[in-house]
Amino acid sequence: MVVFCVVDDKYIPLFRVLWVAKTPHFCGEDDCEREGQYEIRLEDGETVWAQTQQERDEVLKQLEVWAIGEYGGDDADDSDEDAPEEP
């Protein structure tokens, strides 16, 4: 089971990720060093920055794999195995 993802050369526990930006950062400030990077917000107000869309997508993929393993995924609710038989 995957429990870590790598963002900007840092191993991040997946359970700490609160959200991942869909679009790259743009604030318009002249001295901004994060333009074009993707924000990944963690617990306790921390942020890490994915350098590329590919790096951001890899985090999303690993979160999905982790969630499927942790919660059984979307297919768990579609199962009719526990449904009572119809008369």
Foldseek 3Di string as FASTA:
>chain_A
DDQWAAAPNDTDGLVFWDDKDPFFDDDPDPPDPRGRWIWTAGPPRDITTHNHVVSSVRSVVSNQVVCCVVPVPPVVVVDCPPPDDDD
